[in-house]
Amino acid sequence: MSPSDKKYSQQFDELFREYFEPLLNYINVQLKNIEDSREIVQSTFLNIWNYRGKIDMDSPAWKVICI
């Protein structure tokens, strides 16, 4: 794993740990279906991971932009 991949992996892990539950709860309030809500949040994080090369991790707002 290259240093930039490792850095992104660590930042992604932080993002996931910080926002997965709050996003899941927020979406579940709207949908009232935990399975669908979990799928949406997982899909969101998968998209963030898939587009990691296009995200400027040095930007102070990168977490906000991703979510």
C-alpha atoms as a PDB file:
ATOM      1  CA  MET A   1       0.000   0.000   0.000  1.00  0.00           C
ATOM      2  CA  SER A   2       1.450   3.356  -1.013  1.00  0.00           C
ATOM      3  CA  PRO A   3       1.713   6.175   1.549  1.00  0.00           C
ATOM      4  CA  SER A   4      -1.143   8.074  -0.112  1.00  0.00           C
ATOM      5  CA  ASP A   5      -3.341   4.948  -0.086  1.00  0.00           C
ATOM      6  CA  LYS A   6      -2.544   4.404   3.571  1.00  0.00           C
ATOM      7  CA  LYS A   7      -3.363   8.038   4.362  1.00  0.00           C
ATOM      8  CA  TYR A   8      -6.659   7.806   2.515  1.00  0.00           C
ATOM      9  CA  SER A   9      -7.495   4.504   4.190  1.00  0.00           C
ATOM     10  CA  GLN A  10      -6.953   6.055   7.619  1.00  0.00           C
ATOM     11  CA  GLN A  11      -9.030   9.114   6.754  1.00  0.00           C
ATOM     12  CA  PHE A  12     -11.777   6.978   5.272  1.00  0.00           C
ATOM     13  CA  ASP A  13     -11.814   4.862   8.421  1.00  0.00           C
ATOM     14  CA  GLU A  14     -12.204   8.027  10.533  1.00  0.00           C
ATOM     15  CA  LEU A  15     -15.025   9.247   8.295  1.00  0.00           C
ATOM     16  CA  PHE A  16     -16.783   5.899   8.471  1.00  0.00           C
ATOM     17  CA  ARG A  17     -16.486   5.596  12.252  1.00  0.00           C
ATOM     18  CA  GLU A  18     -17.665   9.162  12.808  1.00  0.00           C
ATOM     19  CA  TYR A  19     -20.582   9.306  10.377  1.00  0.00           C
ATOM     20  CA  PHE A  20     -21.949   5.815   9.733  1.00  0.00           C
ATOM     21  CA  GLU A  21     -24.278   5.647  12.744  1.00  0.00           C
ATOM     22  CA  PRO A  22     -25.503   9.261  12.560  1.00  0.00           C
ATOM     23  CA  LEU A  23     -26.248   8.906   8.846  1.00  0.00           C
ATOM     24  CA  LEU A  24     -27.940   5.571   9.386  1.00  0.00           C
ATOM     25  CA  ASN A  25     -30.117   7.034  12.127  1.00  0.00           C
ATOM     26  CA  TYR A  26     -30.997  10.120  10.082  1.00  0.00           C
ATOM     27  CA  ILE A  27     -31.950   8.144   6.996  1.00  0.00           C
ATOM     28  CA  ASN A  28     -33.851   5.582   9.033  1.00  0.00           C
ATOM     29  CA  VAL A  29     -35.980   8.369  10.552  1.00  0.00           C
ATOM     30  CA  GLN A  30     -36.903   9.368   7.009  1.00  0.00           C
ATOM     31  CA  LEU A  31     -37.448   5.884   5.579  1.00  0.00           C
ATOM     32  CA  LYS A  32     -38.510   3.968   8.679  1.00  0.00           C
ATOM     33  CA  ASN A  33     -36.797   0.909   7.252  1.00  0.00           C
ATOM     34  CA  ILE A  34     -33.461  -0.052   8.778  1.00  0.00           C
ATOM     35  CA  GLU A  35     -32.435  -2.439   5.980  1.00  0.00           C
ATOM     36  CA  ASP A  36     -32.993   0.151   3.246  1.00  0.00           C
ATOM     37  CA  SER A  37     -31.321   2.810   5.358  1.00  0.00           C
ATOM     38  CA  ARG A  38     -28.252   0.635   5.931  1.00  0.00           C
ATOM     39  CA  GLU A  39     -28.035  -0.111   2.201  1.00  0.00           C
ATOM     40  CA  ILE A  40     -28.120   3.611   1.343  1.00  0.00           C
ATOM     41  CA  VAL A  41     -25.411   4.468   3.861  1.00  0.00           C
ATOM     42  CA  GLN A  42     -23.235   1.557   2.764  1.00  0.00           C
ATOM     43  CA  SER A  43     -23.666   2.604  -0.854  1.00  0.00           C
ATOM     44  CA  THR A  44     -22.674   6.150   0.055  1.00  0.00           C
ATOM     45  CA  PHE A  45     -19.466   4.981   1.715  1.00  0.00           C
ATOM     46  CA  LEU A  46     -18.724   2.627  -1.145  1.00  0.00           C
ATOM     47  CA  ASN A  47     -19.004   5.543  -3.587  1.00  0.00           C
ATOM     48  CA  ILE A  48     -16.663   7.613  -1.436  1.00  0.00           C
ATOM     49  CA  TRP A  49     -14.158   4.755  -1.471  1.00  0.00           C
ATOM     50  CA  ASN A  50     -14.507   4.227  -5.228  1.00  0.00           C
ATOM     51  CA  TYR A  51     -13.903   7.925  -5.947  1.00  0.00           C
ATOM     52  CA  ARG A  52     -11.067   8.282  -3.449  1.00  0.00           C
ATOM     53  CA  GLY A  53      -8.620   9.306  -6.155  1.00  0.00           C
ATOM     54  CA  LYS A  54     -10.760  12.317  -7.040  1.00  0.00           C
ATOM     55  CA  ILE A  55     -11.248  13.585  -3.482  1.00  0.00           C
ATOM     56  CA  ASP A  56      -8.847  16.211  -2.163  1.00  0.00           C
ATOM     57  CA  MET A  57      -8.068  14.823   1.272  1.00  0.00           C
ATOM     58  CA  ASP A  58      -6.012  17.887   2.140  1.00  0.00           C
ATOM     59  CA  SER A  59      -9.054  20.126   1.892  1.00  0.00           C
ATOM     60  CA  PRO A  60     -10.441  21.005   5.318  1.00  0.00           C
ATOM     61  CA  ALA A  61     -13.949  20.378   3.983  1.00  0.00           C
ATOM     62  CA  TRP A  62     -13.393  16.946   2.438  1.00  0.00           C
ATOM     63  CA  LYS A  63     -15.591  15.139   4.988  1.00  0.00           C
ATOM     64  CA  VAL A  64     -18.469  17.537   4.388  1.00  0.00           C
ATOM     65  CA  ILE A  65     -18.092  17.246   0.620  1.00  0.00           C
ATOM     66  CA  CYS A  66     -18.163  13.443   0.798  1.00  0.00           C
ATOM     67  CA  ILE A  67     -21.258  13.252   2.949  1.00  0.00           C
END
